[in-house]
């Protein structure tokens, strides 16, 4: 039987029939403690309707929250987009340089994804909820002339520091208002699948123990 009271963010312990104990460690977070509770419950990465804000979606269950709302552009001023709250940190970001109007989020509840279509001509922005944070992909659907993609950020500084963890990875700390500029590398023609040109760049919001709201931008 599982000793539920012995769960941690990324482990569970079982009592065996012979009286011994086995602990399973997971490579990604599996459990979290809801606000006001000391019980560890399974993380739910699905995307659900945010009942507190019409037109918005949110992750279903984790120690941190990710909310996805319409991106509204009016005369160059952008509002809405993605809002992350974790461990007392607050981060908002939305694409910059988009045409005036509203871009509505399209959610796939079971896949845990939210897609903003045609944010820039020929480019979708897709977010995937994971147990450790939110991954952002720029999906380039064909040849484009744009060579960089800019996001307005609020609640986070974007002072870059190099990371040794992965080639081309760029870490960005969380603190003040700033702007995040991603310069993509495009796939070669030989690697393009039937889905079109894919992954211009990616922005990874890493939330979890010890990271306290870390934004990592990397070239995929």
C-alpha atoms as a PDB file:
ATOM      1  CA  UNK A   1       0.000   0.000   0.000  1.00  0.00           C
ATOM      2  CA  UNK A   2       1.113   3.551  -0.649  1.00  0.00           C
ATOM      3  CA  UNK A   3       1.998   5.715   2.346  1.00  0.00           C
ATOM      4  CA  UNK A   4       0.219   8.792   1.047  1.00  0.00           C
ATOM      5  CA  UNK A   5       1.463  10.906   3.932  1.00  0.00           C
ATOM      6  CA  UNK A   6       5.040  10.243   2.766  1.00  0.00           C
ATOM      7  CA  UNK A   7       4.563  11.713  -0.693  1.00  0.00           C
ATOM      8  CA  UNK A   8       6.775  14.571  -1.850  1.00  0.00           C
ATOM      9  CA  UNK A   9       6.715  16.686  -4.995  1.00  0.00           C
ATOM     10  CA  UNK A  10       8.517  13.992  -6.962  1.00  0.00           C
ATOM     11  CA  UNK A  11       8.365  10.766  -4.935  1.00  0.00           C
ATOM     12  CA  UNK A  12       6.010   8.227  -3.403  1.00  0.00           C
ATOM     13  CA  UNK A  13       6.664   5.514  -0.818  1.00  0.00           C
ATOM     14  CA  UNK A  14       5.066   2.085  -0.614  1.00  0.00           C
ATOM     15  CA  UNK A  15       4.915  -0.470   2.193  1.00  0.00           C
ATOM     16  CA  UNK A  16       5.624  -3.934   0.811  1.00  0.00           C
ATOM     17  CA  UNK A  17       3.971  -7.183   1.895  1.00  0.00           C
ATOM     18  CA  UNK A  18       7.178  -8.292   3.669  1.00  0.00           C
ATOM     19  CA  UNK A  19       7.257  -5.156   5.821  1.00  0.00           C
ATOM     20  CA  UNK A  20       9.935  -3.357   3.805  1.00  0.00           C
ATOM     21  CA  UNK A  21       9.463  -0.016   2.076  1.00  0.00           C
ATOM     22  CA  UNK A  22      10.047   1.098  -1.506  1.00  0.00           C
ATOM     23  CA  UNK A  23      10.399   4.704  -2.653  1.00  0.00           C
ATOM     24  CA  UNK A  24       9.883   5.689  -6.272  1.00  0.00           C
ATOM     25  CA  UNK A  25      11.551   8.891  -7.489  1.00  0.00           C
ATOM     26  CA  UNK A  26      10.173  10.726 -10.525  1.00  0.00           C
ATOM     27  CA  UNK A  27      12.143  12.891 -12.921  1.00  0.00           C
ATOM     28  CA  UNK A  28       9.383  15.505 -12.996  1.00  0.00           C
ATOM     29  CA  UNK A  29       7.047  16.807 -10.269  1.00  0.00           C
ATOM     30  CA  UNK A  30       4.030  14.538  -9.774  1.00  0.00           C
ATOM     31  CA  UNK A  31       2.280  15.879  -6.657  1.00  0.00           C
ATOM     32  CA  UNK A  32       1.521  19.254  -5.122  1.00  0.00           C
ATOM     33  CA  UNK A  33      -0.082  20.653  -1.994  1.00  0.00           C
ATOM     34  CA  UNK A  34      -3.157  22.815  -2.676  1.00  0.00           C
ATOM     35  CA  UNK A  35      -3.301  26.156  -0.898  1.00  0.00           C
ATOM     36  CA  UNK A  36      -4.218  25.635   2.748  1.00  0.00           C
ATOM     37  CA  UNK A  37      -3.677  21.873   2.622  1.00  0.00           C
ATOM     38  CA  UNK A  38      -0.851  19.615   3.775  1.00  0.00           C
ATOM     39  CA  UNK A  39      -2.017  16.723   1.593  1.00  0.00           C
ATOM     40  CA  UNK A  40      -0.122  15.825  -1.573  1.00  0.00           C
ATOM     41  CA  UNK A  41      -2.455  15.420  -4.568  1.00  0.00           C
ATOM     42  CA  UNK A  42      -1.647  14.542  -8.213  1.00  0.00           C
ATOM     43  CA  UNK A  43      -0.728  17.380 -10.536  1.00  0.00           C
ATOM     44  CA  UNK A  44      -3.248  17.925 -13.338  1.00  0.00           C
ATOM     45  CA  UNK A  45      -1.716  19.434 -16.498  1.00  0.00           C
ATOM     46  CA  UNK A  46      -4.977  19.693 -18.410  1.00  0.00           C
ATOM     47  CA  UNK A  47      -6.317  23.109 -19.414  1.00  0.00           C
ATOM     48  CA  UNK A  48      -9.717  24.222 -18.134  1.00  0.00           C
ATOM     49  CA  UNK A  49     -11.932  27.273 -18.443  1.00  0.00           C
ATOM     50  CA  UNK A  50     -11.000  30.005 -15.971  1.00  0.00           C
ATOM     51  CA  UNK A  51     -14.351  30.741 -14.381  1.00  0.00           C
ATOM     52  CA  UNK A  52     -13.008  33.937 -12.807  1.00  0.00           C
ATOM     53  CA  UNK A  53     -12.341  35.553 -16.207  1.00  0.00           C
ATOM     54  CA  UNK A  54     -14.540  35.055 -19.304  1.00  0.00           C
ATOM     55  CA  UNK A  55     -12.522  34.006 -22.348  1.00  0.00           C
ATOM     56  CA  UNK A  56      -9.546  32.822 -20.286  1.00  0.00           C
ATOM     57  CA  UNK A  57      -8.140  29.354 -19.590  1.00  0.00           C
ATOM     58  CA  UNK A  58      -5.884  28.037 -16.818  1.00  0.00           C
ATOM     59  CA  UNK A  59      -3.962  24.946 -15.796  1.00  0.00           C
ATOM     60  CA  UNK A  60      -6.163  22.585 -13.789  1.00  0.00           C
ATOM     61  CA  UNK A  61      -4.051  21.814 -10.736  1.00  0.00           C
ATOM     62  CA  UNK A  62      -0.562  22.656  -9.510  1.00  0.00           C
ATOM     63  CA  UNK A  63       1.240  24.665  -6.840  1.00  0.00           C
ATOM     64  CA  UNK A  64       1.542  27.493  -9.370  1.00  0.00           C
ATOM     65  CA  UNK A  65      -0.993  28.874 -11.830  1.00  0.00           C
ATOM     66  CA  UNK A  66      -0.834  29.673 -15.531  1.00  0.00           C
ATOM     67  CA  UNK A  67      -3.636  31.658 -17.144  1.00  0.00           C
ATOM     68  CA  UNK A  68      -4.157  32.243 -20.865  1.00  0.00           C
ATOM     69  CA  UNK A  69      -6.332  35.082 -22.114  1.00  0.00           C
ATOM     70  CA  UNK A  70      -7.043  36.949 -25.345  1.00  0.00           C
ATOM     71  CA  UNK A  71      -4.166  39.008 -26.723  1.00  0.00           C
ATOM     72  CA  UNK A  72      -5.575  42.463 -27.389  1.00  0.00           C
ATOM     73  CA  UNK A  73      -3.609  45.002 -29.429  1.00  0.00           C
ATOM     74  CA  UNK A  74      -4.733  48.601 -29.805  1.00  0.00           C
ATOM     75  CA  UNK A  75      -2.486  51.141 -31.511  1.00  0.00           C
ATOM     76  CA  UNK A  76       0.620  49.234 -30.502  1.00  0.00           C
ATOM     77  CA  UNK A  77      -0.456  48.718 -26.900  1.00  0.00           C
ATOM     78  CA  UNK A  78      -0.775  45.024 -26.016  1.00  0.00           C
ATOM     79  CA  UNK A  79      -2.682  43.495 -23.112  1.00  0.00           C
ATOM     80  CA  UNK A  80      -3.731  40.013 -22.071  1.00  0.00           C
ATOM     81  CA  UNK A  81      -1.721  36.963 -23.017  1.00  0.00           C
ATOM     82  CA  UNK A  82      -0.141  34.697 -20.409  1.00  0.00           C
ATOM     83  CA  UNK A  83      -0.066  35.238 -16.643  1.00  0.00           C
ATOM     84  CA  UNK A  84       2.070  33.076 -14.349  1.00  0.00           C
ATOM     85  CA  UNK A  85       1.901  33.164 -10.540  1.00  0.00           C
ATOM     86  CA  UNK A  86       4.258  31.013  -8.467  1.00  0.00           C
ATOM     87  CA  UNK A  87       5.880  31.217  -5.046  1.00  0.00           C
ATOM     88  CA  UNK A  88       5.063  34.910  -4.727  1.00  0.00           C
ATOM     89  CA  UNK A  89       6.385  35.715  -8.199  1.00  0.00           C
ATOM     90  CA  UNK A  90       4.167  37.269 -10.890  1.00  0.00           C
ATOM     91  CA  UNK A  91       4.905  37.261 -14.605  1.00  0.00           C
ATOM     92  CA  UNK A  92       2.828  38.499 -17.534  1.00  0.00           C
ATOM     93  CA  UNK A  93       3.857  38.323 -21.169  1.00  0.00           C
ATOM     94  CA  UNK A  94       2.272  38.823 -24.584  1.00  0.00           C
ATOM     95  CA  UNK A  95       3.555  39.043 -28.158  1.00  0.00           C
ATOM     96  CA  UNK A  96       4.572  42.476 -29.397  1.00  0.00           C
ATOM     97  CA  UNK A  97       4.232  43.962 -32.860  1.00  0.00           C
ATOM     98  CA  UNK A  98       0.969  42.210 -33.685  1.00  0.00           C
ATOM     99  CA  UNK A  99      -1.863  43.713 -35.713  1.00  0.00           C
ATOM    100  CA  UNK A 100      -4.655  45.571 -33.917  1.00  0.00           C
ATOM    101  CA  UNK A 101      -7.543  43.444 -32.685  1.00  0.00           C
ATOM    102  CA  UNK A 102      -7.954  40.345 -30.544  1.00  0.00           C
ATOM    103  CA  UNK A 103      -6.264  36.973 -30.845  1.00  0.00           C
ATOM    104  CA  UNK A 104      -8.267  34.384 -28.937  1.00  0.00           C
ATOM    105  CA  UNK A 105      -6.664  31.400 -27.207  1.00  0.00           C
ATOM    106  CA  UNK A 106      -7.688  27.967 -28.501  1.00  0.00           C
ATOM    107  CA  UNK A 107      -7.393  25.267 -25.837  1.00  0.00           C
ATOM    108  CA  UNK A 108      -6.957  21.517 -26.152  1.00  0.00           C
ATOM    109  CA  UNK A 109      -7.937  20.430 -22.653  1.00  0.00           C
ATOM    110  CA  UNK A 110      -6.570  16.895 -22.707  1.00  0.00           C
ATOM    111  CA  UNK A 111      -3.294  17.774 -24.437  1.00  0.00           C
ATOM    112  CA  UNK A 112      -2.773  20.660 -22.024  1.00  0.00           C
ATOM    113  CA  UNK A 113      -2.086  23.120 -24.837  1.00  0.00           C
ATOM    114  CA  UNK A 114      -3.256  26.622 -25.679  1.00  0.00           C
ATOM    115  CA  UNK A 115      -2.644  28.010 -29.161  1.00  0.00           C
ATOM    116  CA  UNK A 116      -2.761  31.576 -30.454  1.00  0.00           C
ATOM    117  CA  UNK A 117      -3.119  31.346 -34.224  1.00  0.00           C
ATOM    118  CA  UNK A 118      -1.507  33.768 -36.692  1.00  0.00           C
ATOM    119  CA  UNK A 119       0.068  35.931 -34.003  1.00  0.00           C
ATOM    120  CA  UNK A 120       2.390  37.108 -36.730  1.00  0.00           C
ATOM    121  CA  UNK A 121       1.767  36.225 -40.406  1.00  0.00           C
ATOM    122  CA  UNK A 122       2.505  32.514 -40.784  1.00  0.00           C
ATOM    123  CA  UNK A 123       3.383  32.035 -37.109  1.00  0.00           C
ATOM    124  CA  UNK A 124       1.308  30.458 -34.324  1.00  0.00           C
ATOM    125  CA  UNK A 125       2.287  30.586 -30.645  1.00  0.00           C
ATOM    126  CA  UNK A 126       1.545  27.417 -28.719  1.00  0.00           C
ATOM    127  CA  UNK A 127       1.806  26.859 -24.956  1.00  0.00           C
ATOM    128  CA  UNK A 128       2.053  23.444 -23.356  1.00  0.00           C
ATOM    129  CA  UNK A 129       1.405  22.986 -19.640  1.00  0.00           C
ATOM    130  CA  UNK A 130       3.869  20.641 -17.971  1.00  0.00           C
ATOM    131  CA  UNK A 131       4.237  19.646 -14.330  1.00  0.00           C
ATOM    132  CA  UNK A 132       7.308  21.884 -13.990  1.00  0.00           C
ATOM    133  CA  UNK A 133       6.090  24.903 -15.944  1.00  0.00           C
ATOM    134  CA  UNK A 134       4.810  26.223 -19.251  1.00  0.00           C
ATOM    135  CA  UNK A 135       6.607  25.650 -22.553  1.00  0.00           C
ATOM    136  CA  UNK A 136       6.136  28.071 -25.427  1.00  0.00           C
ATOM    137  CA  UNK A 137       6.711  27.098 -29.066  1.00  0.00           C
ATOM    138  CA  UNK A 138       6.635  29.328 -32.095  1.00  0.00           C
ATOM    139  CA  UNK A 139       5.161  27.268 -34.916  1.00  0.00           C
ATOM    140  CA  UNK A 140       6.326  28.608 -38.263  1.00  0.00           C
ATOM    141  CA  UNK A 141       3.991  27.282 -40.948  1.00  0.00           C
ATOM    142  CA  UNK A 142       5.971  28.346 -44.000  1.00  0.00           C
ATOM    143  CA  UNK A 143       8.744  30.636 -45.218  1.00  0.00           C
ATOM    144  CA  UNK A 144       8.579  34.022 -43.497  1.00  0.00           C
ATOM    145  CA  UNK A 145      10.619  37.215 -43.648  1.00  0.00           C
ATOM    146  CA  UNK A 146      10.521  37.900 -39.918  1.00  0.00           C
ATOM    147  CA  UNK A 147      13.775  36.971 -38.155  1.00  0.00           C
ATOM    148  CA  UNK A 148      12.976  37.849 -34.538  1.00  0.00           C
ATOM    149  CA  UNK A 149       9.955  37.736 -32.240  1.00  0.00           C
ATOM    150  CA  UNK A 150       9.407  40.100 -29.359  1.00  0.00           C
ATOM    151  CA  UNK A 151       7.259  39.685 -26.244  1.00  0.00           C
ATOM    152  CA  UNK A 152       6.162  42.398 -23.837  1.00  0.00           C
ATOM    153  CA  UNK A 153       6.745  41.303 -20.246  1.00  0.00           C
ATOM    154  CA  UNK A 154       5.553  42.701 -16.942  1.00  0.00           C
ATOM    155  CA  UNK A 155       6.700  41.561 -13.515  1.00  0.00           C
ATOM    156  CA  UNK A 156       9.889  40.002 -14.877  1.00  0.00           C
ATOM    157  CA  UNK A 157      13.320  41.273 -15.773  1.00  0.00           C
ATOM    158  CA  UNK A 158      14.866  39.821 -18.874  1.00  0.00           C
ATOM    159  CA  UNK A 159      18.550  40.151 -18.077  1.00  0.00           C
ATOM    160  CA  UNK A 160      20.090  37.221 -19.937  1.00  0.00           C
ATOM    161  CA  UNK A 161      22.774  34.919 -18.578  1.00  0.00           C
ATOM    162  CA  UNK A 162      24.295  31.999 -20.458  1.00  0.00           C
ATOM    163  CA  UNK A 163      23.484  28.497 -19.310  1.00  0.00           C
ATOM    164  CA  UNK A 164      25.757  25.475 -19.535  1.00  0.00           C
ATOM    165  CA  UNK A 165      22.791  23.090 -19.436  1.00  0.00           C
ATOM    166  CA  UNK A 166      21.980  23.120 -23.123  1.00  0.00           C
ATOM    167  CA  UNK A 167      23.553  24.607 -26.268  1.00  0.00           C
ATOM    168  CA  UNK A 168      21.983  27.929 -27.160  1.00  0.00           C
ATOM    169  CA  UNK A 169      20.038  28.139 -23.915  1.00  0.00           C
ATOM    170  CA  UNK A 170      19.497  31.561 -22.408  1.00  0.00           C
ATOM    171  CA  UNK A 171      18.321  32.111 -18.839  1.00  0.00           C
ATOM    172  CA  UNK A 172      16.269  35.122 -17.821  1.00  0.00           C
ATOM    173  CA  UNK A 173      15.721  36.186 -14.222  1.00  0.00           C
ATOM    174  CA  UNK A 174      12.431  37.350 -12.733  1.00  0.00           C
ATOM    175  CA  UNK A 175      12.269  40.804 -11.165  1.00  0.00           C
ATOM    176  CA  UNK A 176      11.136  43.917 -13.045  1.00  0.00           C
ATOM    177  CA  UNK A 177       9.348  45.080 -16.169  1.00  0.00           C
ATOM    178  CA  UNK A 178      11.198  44.213 -19.372  1.00  0.00           C
ATOM    179  CA  UNK A 179      11.126  42.876 -22.897  1.00  0.00           C
ATOM    180  CA  UNK A 180      12.161  39.498 -24.204  1.00  0.00           C
ATOM    181  CA  UNK A 181      13.543  39.159 -27.721  1.00  0.00           C
ATOM    182  CA  UNK A 182      13.904  35.705 -29.285  1.00  0.00           C
ATOM    183  CA  UNK A 183      16.077  35.283 -32.370  1.00  0.00           C
ATOM    184  CA  UNK A 184      15.189  31.958 -33.996  1.00  0.00           C
ATOM    185  CA  UNK A 185      17.126  29.371 -35.908  1.00  0.00           C
ATOM    186  CA  UNK A 186      15.100  27.838 -38.720  1.00  0.00           C
ATOM    187  CA  UNK A 187      15.048  24.190 -39.675  1.00  0.00           C
ATOM    188  CA  UNK A 188      16.798  23.276 -42.898  1.00  0.00           C
ATOM    189  CA  UNK A 189      14.660  22.271 -45.864  1.00  0.00           C
ATOM    190  CA  UNK A 190      15.698  18.649 -45.378  1.00  0.00           C
ATOM    191  CA  UNK A 191      14.236  18.556 -41.886  1.00  0.00           C
ATOM    192  CA  UNK A 192      10.891  20.160 -42.681  1.00  0.00           C
ATOM    193  CA  UNK A 193       8.003  17.726 -42.228  1.00  0.00           C
ATOM    194  CA  UNK A 194       4.505  17.755 -43.683  1.00  0.00           C
ATOM    195  CA  UNK A 195       3.523  19.949 -40.753  1.00  0.00           C
ATOM    196  CA  UNK A 196       5.541  22.814 -42.205  1.00  0.00           C
ATOM    197  CA  UNK A 197       8.445  24.733 -40.784  1.00  0.00           C
ATOM    198  CA  UNK A 198       8.379  24.064 -37.061  1.00  0.00           C
ATOM    199  CA  UNK A 199       9.993  25.547 -33.957  1.00  0.00           C
ATOM    200  CA  UNK A 200      11.489  28.895 -34.701  1.00  0.00           C
ATOM    201  CA  UNK A 201      12.342  29.355 -31.041  1.00  0.00           C
ATOM    202  CA  UNK A 202      10.933  28.520 -27.663  1.00  0.00           C
ATOM    203  CA  UNK A 203      10.364  30.244 -24.345  1.00  0.00           C
ATOM    204  CA  UNK A 204      10.265  28.034 -21.294  1.00  0.00           C
ATOM    205  CA  UNK A 205       8.781  29.232 -18.026  1.00  0.00           C
ATOM    206  CA  UNK A 206      10.236  26.987 -15.354  1.00  0.00           C
ATOM    207  CA  UNK A 207       8.413  26.952 -12.039  1.00  0.00           C
ATOM    208  CA  UNK A 208       9.307  24.721  -9.128  1.00  0.00           C
ATOM    209  CA  UNK A 209      11.314  24.101  -6.006  1.00  0.00           C
ATOM    210  CA  UNK A 210      14.408  26.234  -6.019  1.00  0.00           C
ATOM    211  CA  UNK A 211      13.579  28.057  -9.242  1.00  0.00           C
ATOM    212  CA  UNK A 212      10.986  30.515  -7.934  1.00  0.00           C
ATOM    213  CA  UNK A 213       9.840  31.675 -11.304  1.00  0.00           C
ATOM    214  CA  UNK A 214      12.637  31.268 -13.820  1.00  0.00           C
ATOM    215  CA  UNK A 215      12.229  32.120 -17.471  1.00  0.00           C
ATOM    216  CA  UNK A 216      14.459  30.249 -19.891  1.00  0.00           C
ATOM    217  CA  UNK A 217      14.651  31.185 -23.537  1.00  0.00           C
ATOM    218  CA  UNK A 218      16.370  28.710 -25.808  1.00  0.00           C
ATOM    219  CA  UNK A 219      16.874  27.884 -29.424  1.00  0.00           C
ATOM    220  CA  UNK A 220      15.221  24.565 -30.239  1.00  0.00           C
END
